[in-house]
Amino acid sequence: MININIVTDKKGFIWGFEIKGHAGYDEYGKDIVCAAVSTLAYTAVGAISEMTNVVSYSEKDGYMQCTVPKNISNDAKNTIKIILDTIVIGFRQIELSYKGYVKVIIKEV
């Protein structure tokens, strides 16, 4: 099971996400669910990095954490909001299609 924890504030701004685990949908290297989640996560990190230069992330096998620094410009924040809102929609669509393999949890801080 892949657990995706999304961290938001009270206004709904996403300050980061954490992805843990493997889907177990198919064997390693052929798991389309893991590939889909990984694609979205790396797209988010790459887009934020290229468009704002303010992303912080770490990753290893079966784990990725991405955080948005608190002291960012309004322009960067607006760009990041669009990217992360879009990625969460993608995570939720995967969750709906592959119940039992992916769980998306929104945590307000």
Protein backbone atom coordinates (compact mmCIF):
# COMPACT_ATOMS: atom_id res chain seq x y z
CA MET A 1 0.00 0.00 0.00
CA ILE A 2 1.21 3.48 -0.84
CA ASN A 3 0.26 6.09 1.76
CA ILE A 4 0.29 9.69 0.57
CA ASN A 5 0.09 12.30 3.32
CA ILE A 6 -0.72 15.82 2.15
CA VAL A 7 0.00 18.66 4.62
CA THR A 8 -2.19 21.76 4.31
CA ASP A 9 -2.94 24.86 6.31
CA LYS A 10 -6.43 26.06 7.28
CA LYS A 11 -6.76 27.94 4.00
CA GLY A 12 -6.02 24.78 1.99
CA PHE A 13 -2.51 25.68 0.86
CA ILE A 14 -0.43 22.53 0.49
CA TRP A 15 2.88 22.86 2.33
CA GLY A 16 4.15 19.44 1.37
CA PHE A 17 3.55 15.77 0.88
CA GLU A 18 5.03 12.49 2.06
CA ILE A 19 4.76 9.23 0.16
CA LYS A 20 5.53 5.91 1.82
CA GLY A 21 5.43 2.33 0.66
CA HIS A 22 4.92 0.26 -2.45
CA ALA A 23 1.60 -0.54 -4.06
CA GLY A 24 2.15 -4.25 -4.51
CA TYR A 25 -0.08 -4.17 -7.58
CA ASP A 26 2.53 -6.04 -9.66
CA GLU A 27 6.12 -7.16 -9.31
CA TYR A 28 8.89 -4.62 -8.80
CA GLY A 29 9.68 -2.81 -12.04
CA LYS A 30 6.27 -3.61 -13.55
CA ASP A 31 3.99 -1.96 -11.00
CA ILE A 32 1.92 0.63 -12.87
CA VAL A 33 0.46 2.04 -9.65
CA CYS A 34 3.90 2.77 -8.18
CA ALA A 35 4.95 4.22 -11.52
CA ALA A 36 1.92 6.53 -11.65
CA VAL A 37 2.43 7.84 -8.12
CA SER A 38 6.16 8.28 -8.70
CA THR A 39 5.54 10.16 -11.93
CA LEU A 40 3.24 12.64 -10.23
CA ALA A 41 5.61 13.12 -7.28
CA TYR A 42 8.67 13.72 -9.44
CA THR A 43 6.68 16.00 -11.73
CA ALA A 44 5.66 18.12 -8.73
CA VAL A 45 9.21 18.37 -7.42
CA GLY A 46 10.63 19.11 -10.87
CA ALA A 47 8.03 21.71 -11.73
CA ILE A 48 8.38 23.53 -8.40
CA SER A 49 12.15 23.46 -8.66
CA GLU A 50 12.26 24.76 -12.23
CA MET A 51 9.52 27.37 -11.81
CA THR A 52 10.31 28.71 -8.33
CA ASN A 53 13.64 27.28 -7.08
CA VAL A 54 12.22 26.88 -3.56
CA VAL A 55 11.45 23.19 -3.19
CA SER A 56 13.04 20.90 -0.63
CA TYR A 57 12.71 17.15 -0.99
CA SER A 58 14.25 13.85 -0.03
CA GLU A 59 13.71 10.42 -1.48
CA LYS A 60 14.79 6.82 -1.24
CA ASP A 61 13.27 3.50 -2.23
CA GLY A 62 9.57 3.63 -1.41
CA TYR A 63 9.71 7.09 0.17
CA MET A 64 9.55 10.73 -0.87
CA GLN A 65 9.01 13.87 1.16
CA CYS A 66 8.54 17.31 -0.35
CA THR A 67 8.21 20.48 1.71
CA VAL A 68 7.58 24.08 0.79
CA PRO A 69 9.54 26.65 2.81
CA LYS A 70 7.41 29.13 4.78
CA ASN A 71 9.28 32.25 3.64
CA ILE A 72 8.41 32.34 -0.06
CA SER A 73 7.18 35.15 -2.28
CA ASN A 74 3.51 35.45 -3.21
CA ASP A 75 4.39 34.73 -6.84
CA ALA A 76 6.17 31.50 -5.89
CA LYS A 77 3.33 30.55 -3.54
CA ASN A 78 0.74 31.02 -6.31
CA THR A 79 2.76 28.86 -8.71
CA ILE A 80 3.31 26.14 -6.10
CA LYS A 81 -0.39 26.14 -5.23
CA ILE A 82 -1.36 25.36 -8.81
CA ILE A 83 1.24 22.60 -9.12
CA LEU A 84 0.45 20.87 -5.83
CA ASP A 85 -3.34 21.21 -6.16
CA THR A 86 -3.05 19.54 -9.57
CA ILE A 87 -0.81 16.74 -8.29
CA VAL A 88 -3.22 15.99 -5.43
CA ILE A 89 -6.05 15.65 -7.95
CA GLY A 90 -3.88 13.08 -9.75
CA PHE A 91 -3.11 11.20 -6.52
CA ARG A 92 -6.83 11.07 -5.70
CA GLN A 93 -7.69 9.78 -9.16
CA ILE A 94 -5.17 6.97 -8.75
CA GLU A 95 -6.62 6.23 -5.31
CA LEU A 96 -10.14 5.96 -6.79
CA SER A 97 -8.98 3.68 -9.59
CA TYR A 98 -6.75 1.45 -7.43
CA LYS A 99 -8.47 1.21 -4.06
CA GLY A 100 -6.49 -0.95 -1.70
CA TYR A 101 -3.20 0.08 -3.29
CA VAL A 102 -3.11 3.85 -2.65
CA LYS A 103 -4.44 5.94 0.22
CA VAL A 104 -4.43 9.76 0.19
CA ILE A 105 -4.67 11.47 3.56
CA ILE A 106 -5.07 15.24 3.93
CA LYS A 107 -3.67 16.60 7.22
CA GLU A 108 -4.36 20.18 8.24
CA VAL A 109 -1.71 21.77 10.45
